[in-house]
Protein backbone atom coordinates (compact mmCIF):
# COMPACT_ATOMS: atom_id res chain seq x y z
CA UNK A 1 -0.10 0.02 -0.03
CA UNK A 2 1.29 3.43 -1.06
CA UNK A 3 1.57 5.73 1.95
CA UNK A 4 2.17 9.12 0.25
CA UNK A 5 2.07 11.31 3.63
CA UNK A 6 5.25 9.35 4.67
CA UNK A 7 8.81 9.99 3.74
CA UNK A 8 11.80 7.64 3.69
CA UNK A 9 14.15 8.59 6.60
CA UNK A 10 17.45 7.41 7.64
CA UNK A 11 19.01 7.43 11.27
CA UNK A 12 22.33 6.13 12.19
CA UNK A 13 25.13 5.90 14.70
CA UNK A 14 27.75 3.65 16.26
CA UNK A 15 27.55 0.68 18.43
CA UNK A 16 29.49 -2.64 19.15
CA UNK A 17 32.45 -1.56 17.21
CA UNK A 18 30.30 -1.09 14.09
CA UNK A 19 27.55 1.10 12.63
CA UNK A 20 23.78 0.94 13.00
CA UNK A 21 21.34 2.45 10.72
CA UNK A 22 17.49 2.48 10.55
CA UNK A 23 15.50 3.41 7.38
CA UNK A 24 11.82 4.24 8.29
CA UNK A 25 8.74 5.50 6.80
CA UNK A 26 8.00 8.71 8.85
CA UNK A 27 5.65 11.59 8.72
CA UNK A 28 7.13 14.42 6.74
CA UNK A 29 7.55 17.02 9.64
CA UNK A 30 8.34 14.59 12.36
CA UNK A 31 11.19 15.42 14.53
CA UNK A 32 13.44 12.51 14.49
CA UNK A 33 15.85 13.45 17.10
CA UNK A 34 13.95 11.79 20.21
CA UNK A 35 13.75 8.59 18.21
CA UNK A 36 17.51 8.63 17.39
CA UNK A 37 18.22 9.29 21.06
CA UNK A 38 15.95 6.27 22.15
CA UNK A 39 17.68 3.93 19.83
CA UNK A 40 21.18 4.91 20.93
CA UNK A 41 20.11 4.57 24.44
CA UNK A 42 18.70 1.15 23.94
CA UNK A 43 21.75 0.06 22.23
CA UNK A 44 24.05 1.54 24.91
CA UNK A 45 21.99 -0.31 27.41
CA UNK A 46 22.72 -3.77 25.82
CA UNK A 47 26.34 -2.85 25.48
CA UNK A 48 26.56 -2.19 29.21
CA UNK A 49 25.11 -5.53 29.91
CA UNK A 50 26.67 -7.99 27.27
CA UNK A 51 29.94 -6.45 25.82
CA UNK A 52 33.17 -8.25 26.84
CA UNK A 53 34.90 -5.04 25.50
CA UNK A 54 33.42 -3.27 28.61
CA UNK A 55 35.37 -4.14 31.78
CA UNK A 56 32.39 -3.18 34.04
CA UNK A 57 29.63 -4.67 31.88
CA UNK A 58 27.46 -7.31 33.48
CA UNK A 59 29.04 -10.11 31.32
CA UNK A 60 32.64 -9.06 32.34
CA UNK A 61 31.59 -8.91 35.99
CA UNK A 62 30.03 -12.57 35.62
CA UNK A 63 33.23 -13.75 34.00
CA UNK A 64 35.31 -12.53 36.90
CA UNK A 65 32.91 -13.77 39.61
CA UNK A 66 34.03 -16.32 42.34
CA UNK A 67 33.60 -20.01 41.95
CA UNK A 68 30.09 -21.41 42.56
CA UNK A 69 28.54 -17.95 42.89
CA UNK A 70 25.02 -16.92 41.80
CA UNK A 71 24.04 -13.80 39.91
CA UNK A 72 20.78 -12.11 38.97
CA UNK A 73 21.24 -10.83 35.42
CA UNK A 74 19.27 -8.16 33.76
CA UNK A 75 16.34 -9.00 31.65
CA UNK A 76 18.01 -8.67 28.12
CA UNK A 77 21.18 -10.54 29.42
CA UNK A 78 18.94 -13.30 30.84
CA UNK A 79 16.78 -13.58 27.72
CA UNK A 80 19.92 -13.83 25.47
CA UNK A 81 21.70 -16.26 27.47
CA UNK A 82 18.61 -18.58 27.74
CA UNK A 83 18.16 -18.51 23.90
CA UNK A 84 21.92 -19.17 23.65
CA UNK A 85 21.62 -22.35 25.63
CA UNK A 86 18.66 -23.42 23.68
CA UNK A 87 20.71 -23.19 20.39
CA UNK A 88 23.61 -24.73 22.02
CA UNK A 89 21.75 -27.83 22.98
CA UNK A 90 19.84 -27.94 19.50
CA UNK A 91 23.13 -27.73 17.68
CA UNK A 92 24.95 -30.09 19.94
CA UNK A 93 27.45 -27.36 21.06
CA UNK A 94 28.29 -26.10 17.64
CA UNK A 95 27.16 -22.72 19.01
CA UNK A 96 28.44 -22.23 22.55
CA UNK A 97 28.04 -19.10 24.69
CA UNK A 98 30.89 -20.23 27.06
CA UNK A 99 33.59 -20.24 24.27
CA UNK A 100 35.15 -17.12 25.94
CA UNK A 101 38.52 -19.02 27.09
CA UNK A 102 39.11 -19.85 23.35
CA UNK A 103 38.31 -16.63 22.13
CA UNK A 104 40.77 -15.08 24.47
CA UNK A 105 43.54 -17.67 23.75
CA UNK A 106 43.30 -17.03 19.91
CA UNK A 107 43.17 -13.32 20.34
CA UNK A 108 39.83 -12.81 18.82
CA UNK A 109 36.99 -10.41 19.69
CA UNK A 110 37.87 -8.18 22.68
CA UNK A 111 41.22 -9.72 22.60
CA UNK A 112 42.18 -8.75 18.95
CA UNK A 113 44.70 -6.38 20.09
CA UNK A 114 46.83 -9.32 21.30
CA UNK A 115 49.71 -10.47 19.24
CA UNK A 116 48.56 -13.16 16.79
CA UNK A 117 50.28 -16.45 17.43
CA UNK A 118 49.10 -19.89 17.27
CA UNK A 119 48.46 -21.59 20.62
CA UNK A 120 50.24 -24.72 21.58
CA UNK A 121 48.12 -27.85 21.75
CA UNK A 122 48.51 -27.94 25.57
CA UNK A 123 47.21 -24.33 25.84
CA UNK A 124 44.14 -25.28 23.57
CA UNK A 125 43.44 -28.34 25.61
CA UNK A 126 43.47 -26.48 28.93
CA UNK A 127 41.20 -23.73 27.48
CA UNK A 128 38.68 -26.16 26.21
CA UNK A 129 38.43 -27.77 29.54
CA UNK A 130 36.80 -24.37 30.60
CA UNK A 131 34.30 -24.57 27.67
CA UNK A 132 30.78 -26.19 27.99
CA UNK A 133 27.39 -24.74 28.07
CA UNK A 134 26.23 -27.72 30.08
CA UNK A 135 28.11 -26.29 33.16
CA UNK A 136 25.71 -23.28 33.49
CA UNK A 137 22.67 -23.40 35.85
CA UNK A 138 19.78 -21.08 36.13
CA UNK A 139 17.34 -20.85 39.04
CA UNK A 140 13.62 -20.21 38.29
CA UNK A 141 13.88 -16.74 39.50
CA UNK A 142 16.72 -15.95 37.07
CA UNK A 143 20.02 -16.31 39.17
CA UNK A 144 22.75 -17.82 37.13
CA UNK A 145 25.61 -19.98 38.35
CA UNK A 146 29.30 -19.03 37.67
CA UNK A 147 30.62 -22.55 38.14
CA UNK A 148 34.24 -21.25 38.13
CA UNK A 149 36.48 -20.30 35.05
CA UNK A 150 33.48 -19.94 32.79
CA UNK A 151 33.84 -17.06 30.34
CA UNK A 152 30.68 -16.08 28.45
CA UNK A 153 31.00 -14.59 24.95
CA UNK A 154 27.80 -13.60 23.48
CA UNK A 155 29.17 -11.83 20.41
CA UNK A 156 27.66 -14.16 18.11
CA UNK A 157 24.14 -13.56 19.23
CA UNK A 158 23.99 -10.05 21.13
CA UNK A 159 24.35 -8.04 17.87
CA UNK A 160 21.35 -9.83 16.56
CA UNK A 161 19.35 -9.18 19.67
CA UNK A 162 20.27 -5.66 19.39
CA UNK A 163 18.58 -5.50 15.99
CA UNK A 164 15.45 -7.02 17.45
CA UNK A 165 15.65 -4.46 20.37
CA UNK A 166 15.97 -1.58 18.02
CA UNK A 167 12.78 -2.89 16.10
CA UNK A 168 10.91 -3.29 19.24
CA UNK A 169 11.88 0.39 20.24
CA UNK A 170 10.50 1.61 16.80
CA UNK A 171 7.34 -0.43 17.18
CA UNK A 172 6.87 1.13 20.71
CA UNK A 173 7.22 4.60 19.28
CA UNK A 174 4.62 4.00 16.60
CA UNK A 175 6.84 3.35 13.64
CA UNK A 176 5.08 0.89 11.33
CA UNK A 177 7.60 0.42 8.66
CA UNK A 178 11.32 0.11 9.10
CA UNK A 179 14.48 -1.65 8.12
CA UNK A 180 17.20 -2.04 10.85
CA UNK A 181 20.81 -2.80 10.14
CA UNK A 182 23.54 -3.28 12.70
CA UNK A 183 26.91 -4.38 11.14
CA UNK A 184 25.19 -6.09 8.26
CA UNK A 185 22.55 -7.86 10.25
CA UNK A 186 19.01 -6.79 9.34
CA UNK A 187 15.38 -6.99 10.32
CA UNK A 188 12.69 -5.44 8.28
CA UNK A 189 8.79 -4.99 8.71
CA UNK A 190 6.21 -3.18 6.94
CA UNK A 191 7.34 -1.51 3.67
CA UNK A 192 8.85 1.64 2.09
CA UNK A 193 6.46 4.70 1.68
CA UNK A 194 5.96 3.82 -2.00
CA UNK A 195 4.52 0.34 -0.97
CA UNK A 196 7.61 -1.52 -2.18
CA UNK A 197 8.98 -4.13 0.31
CA UNK A 198 12.29 -3.77 1.99
CA UNK A 199 14.53 -5.64 -0.32
CA UNK A 200 17.97 -6.78 0.34
CA UNK A 201 20.80 -8.15 -1.80
CA UNK A 202 22.93 -10.75 -0.07
CA UNK A 203 26.66 -10.11 -0.57
CA UNK A 204 27.63 -10.56 -4.05
CA UNK A 205 30.73 -8.68 -4.76
CA UNK A 206 33.13 -11.58 -3.86
CA UNK A 207 31.65 -13.80 -6.58
CA UNK A 208 31.97 -11.00 -9.16
CA UNK A 209 35.65 -10.46 -8.51
CA UNK A 210 36.39 -14.05 -9.67
CA UNK A 211 34.48 -13.73 -12.86
CA UNK A 212 31.73 -16.26 -12.14
CA UNK A 213 28.68 -14.15 -10.77
CA UNK A 214 26.08 -16.17 -9.26
CA UNK A 215 22.19 -15.08 -9.76
CA UNK A 216 21.29 -12.22 -7.52
CA UNK A 217 20.23 -13.49 -3.97
CA UNK A 218 17.33 -11.08 -3.15
CA UNK A 219 15.34 -11.20 -0.10
CA UNK A 220 12.37 -9.16 0.90
CA UNK A 221 12.08 -8.58 4.59
CA UNK A 222 8.80 -8.14 6.26
CA UNK A 223 8.88 -9.57 9.77
CA UNK A 224 12.16 -11.36 8.85
CA UNK A 225 15.85 -11.04 9.75
CA UNK A 226 19.10 -12.11 7.90
CA UNK A 227 22.40 -12.55 9.48
CA UNK A 228 25.83 -13.82 7.96
CA UNK A 229 28.70 -15.74 9.08
CA UNK A 230 31.83 -17.04 7.36
CA UNK A 231 35.54 -16.28 6.72
CA UNK A 232 34.74 -13.47 4.27
CA UNK A 233 35.66 -10.70 6.74
CA UNK A 234 36.91 -12.31 9.99
CA UNK A 235 40.17 -14.21 9.52
CA UNK A 236 43.92 -13.98 9.73
CA UNK A 237 46.85 -15.58 8.18
CA UNK A 238 49.81 -17.19 9.81
CA UNK A 239 52.84 -18.82 7.88
CA UNK A 240 50.61 -19.21 4.85
CA UNK A 241 47.65 -20.82 6.75
CA UNK A 242 44.26 -18.99 6.88
CA UNK A 243 42.43 -19.01 10.13
CA UNK A 244 38.79 -17.73 10.49
CA UNK A 245 37.52 -16.26 13.55
CA UNK A 246 34.81 -18.84 14.15
CA UNK A 247 35.96 -21.34 16.83
CA UNK A 248 34.79 -24.86 16.90
CA UNK A 249 34.00 -25.28 20.70
CA UNK A 250 34.72 -28.94 20.70
CA UNK A 251 38.10 -28.83 19.00
CA UNK A 252 39.21 -25.55 20.53
CA UNK A 253 40.45 -24.30 17.12
CA UNK A 254 39.22 -22.05 14.27
CA UNK A 255 37.05 -24.16 11.92
CA UNK A 256 38.96 -25.44 8.91
CA UNK A 257 37.75 -24.96 5.26
CA UNK A 258 35.18 -22.38 6.46
CA UNK A 259 32.56 -21.39 3.96
CA UNK A 260 33.10 -17.91 2.42
CA UNK A 261 29.70 -16.98 3.53
CA UNK A 262 26.60 -18.52 5.57
CA UNK A 263 23.41 -16.54 5.33
CA UNK A 264 20.68 -17.27 7.76
CA UNK A 265 17.10 -16.10 7.71
CA UNK A 266 14.87 -16.27 10.78
CA UNK A 267 11.83 -14.44 12.48
CA UNK A 268 14.38 -12.77 14.80
CA UNK A 269 17.73 -11.36 14.18
CA UNK A 270 18.89 -13.06 17.46
CA UNK A 271 18.03 -16.48 16.13
CA UNK A 272 19.44 -15.63 12.66
CA UNK A 273 22.72 -14.44 14.24
CA UNK A 274 23.23 -17.36 16.48
CA UNK A 275 22.24 -20.00 13.91
CA UNK A 276 24.60 -18.44 11.24
CA UNK A 277 27.47 -19.08 13.54
CA UNK A 278 26.29 -22.67 14.53
CA UNK A 279 25.69 -23.60 10.93
CA UNK A 280 28.98 -22.18 9.87
CA UNK A 281 30.73 -24.23 12.51
CA UNK A 282 28.99 -27.54 11.44
CA UNK A 283 29.93 -27.00 7.79
CA UNK A 284 27.91 -27.35 4.76
CA UNK A 285 26.99 -31.13 4.73
CA UNK A 286 26.00 -31.41 8.56
CA UNK A 287 24.64 -27.86 8.67
CA UNK A 288 22.22 -28.51 5.81
CA UNK A 289 21.10 -31.80 7.19
CA UNK A 290 20.33 -30.09 10.55
CA UNK A 291 18.71 -27.18 8.79
CA UNK A 292 16.38 -29.50 6.75
CA UNK A 293 15.52 -31.36 9.96
CA UNK A 294 14.67 -28.15 11.71
CA UNK A 295 13.24 -26.12 8.73
CA UNK A 296 15.95 -23.52 8.99
CA UNK A 297 16.41 -21.08 6.22
CA UNK A 298 20.27 -21.21 5.35
CA UNK A 299 22.47 -20.59 2.28
CA UNK A 300 26.13 -21.73 2.05
CA UNK A 301 28.42 -20.04 -0.42
CA UNK A 302 31.79 -21.92 -0.90
CA UNK A 303 34.83 -20.96 -2.87
CA UNK A 304 36.74 -23.68 -4.81
CA UNK A 305 39.19 -23.35 -7.44
CA UNK A 306 38.40 -19.80 -8.09
CA UNK A 307 34.68 -20.44 -8.45
CA UNK A 308 31.87 -20.00 -6.06
CA UNK A 309 28.96 -22.52 -5.57
CA UNK A 310 25.83 -21.67 -3.65
CA UNK A 311 23.79 -24.25 -1.73
CA UNK A 312 20.34 -23.55 -0.25
CA UNK A 313 18.08 -25.24 2.20
CA UNK A 314 14.52 -25.65 0.97
CA UNK A 315 13.26 -23.22 3.75
CA UNK A 316 15.71 -20.60 2.11
CA UNK A 317 14.80 -21.27 -1.35
CA UNK A 318 11.09 -20.56 -0.52
CA UNK A 319 12.11 -17.08 0.74
CA UNK A 320 14.06 -15.94 -2.18
CA UNK A 321 12.50 -13.14 -4.17
CA UNK A 322 12.40 -14.04 -7.96
CA UNK A 323 12.95 -10.94 -10.09
CA UNK A 324 10.56 -10.47 -12.88
CA UNK A 325 11.91 -11.56 -16.25
CA UNK A 326 11.09 -9.79 -19.43
């Protein structure tokens, strides 16, 4: 439906080491400053709870807490951690929110300033003994156990949750049509002022640079989110070996032969974010098998011999927008 009384407006800022933006259909004379401030305040609140980059955040204090101590967590943190455990269980630990000791050991995330060197097998084994979502416990009134040595890292789910939180803030402020983007993770609902859907093009430049462009992968987001994982952006090289920043919690090492890109669609950005990481860790064959069983919408993009090949789950294929042909 065309809404001529609305304009396409854009808001933006910085959070979690990246940028955020919101495109929305807004009345022509609406002062958007209060809305911008509300979004930034909401994001700052989540950072204060779940950022391992902040030494005084709730997650950093939990990670430093004494052995066998119990801690009430804020509502956002509690919800994200409960969701993380559900996905950890369903993925058999391919996604694990307690991977922090390995993130620290490899110098990723908040520890990316550390000198890049390959840990010894002994150090990897020792760090892996501190990883395991099964060690976490929660009381019915929302207190969480720090079993001792556990380091939470929610970087593979908190950004997605932040997208959802911004969308919820917009809804609460009466915004009926918006596209939210935080560092490339998106959630859209409603439509543009001209009535057309929020359409996004899944990353394609890496296929063009090798001379074998794939057909456009266009998604229309109305009550849907999309998130990506893979070695496209986050990796380093050491002595000719490429290391992705996605760690296999079971092996304690970056996943070998990581897909160039894993794209996940879900009804919430929090689930899309976490499942993109889990399915990246599992690899294409096991990941697609699990996606087919659970009805997950995922696309793998793999690079072999200077050529790219895309693999889709049935649920993803059903959500692809087919451009009109002449």
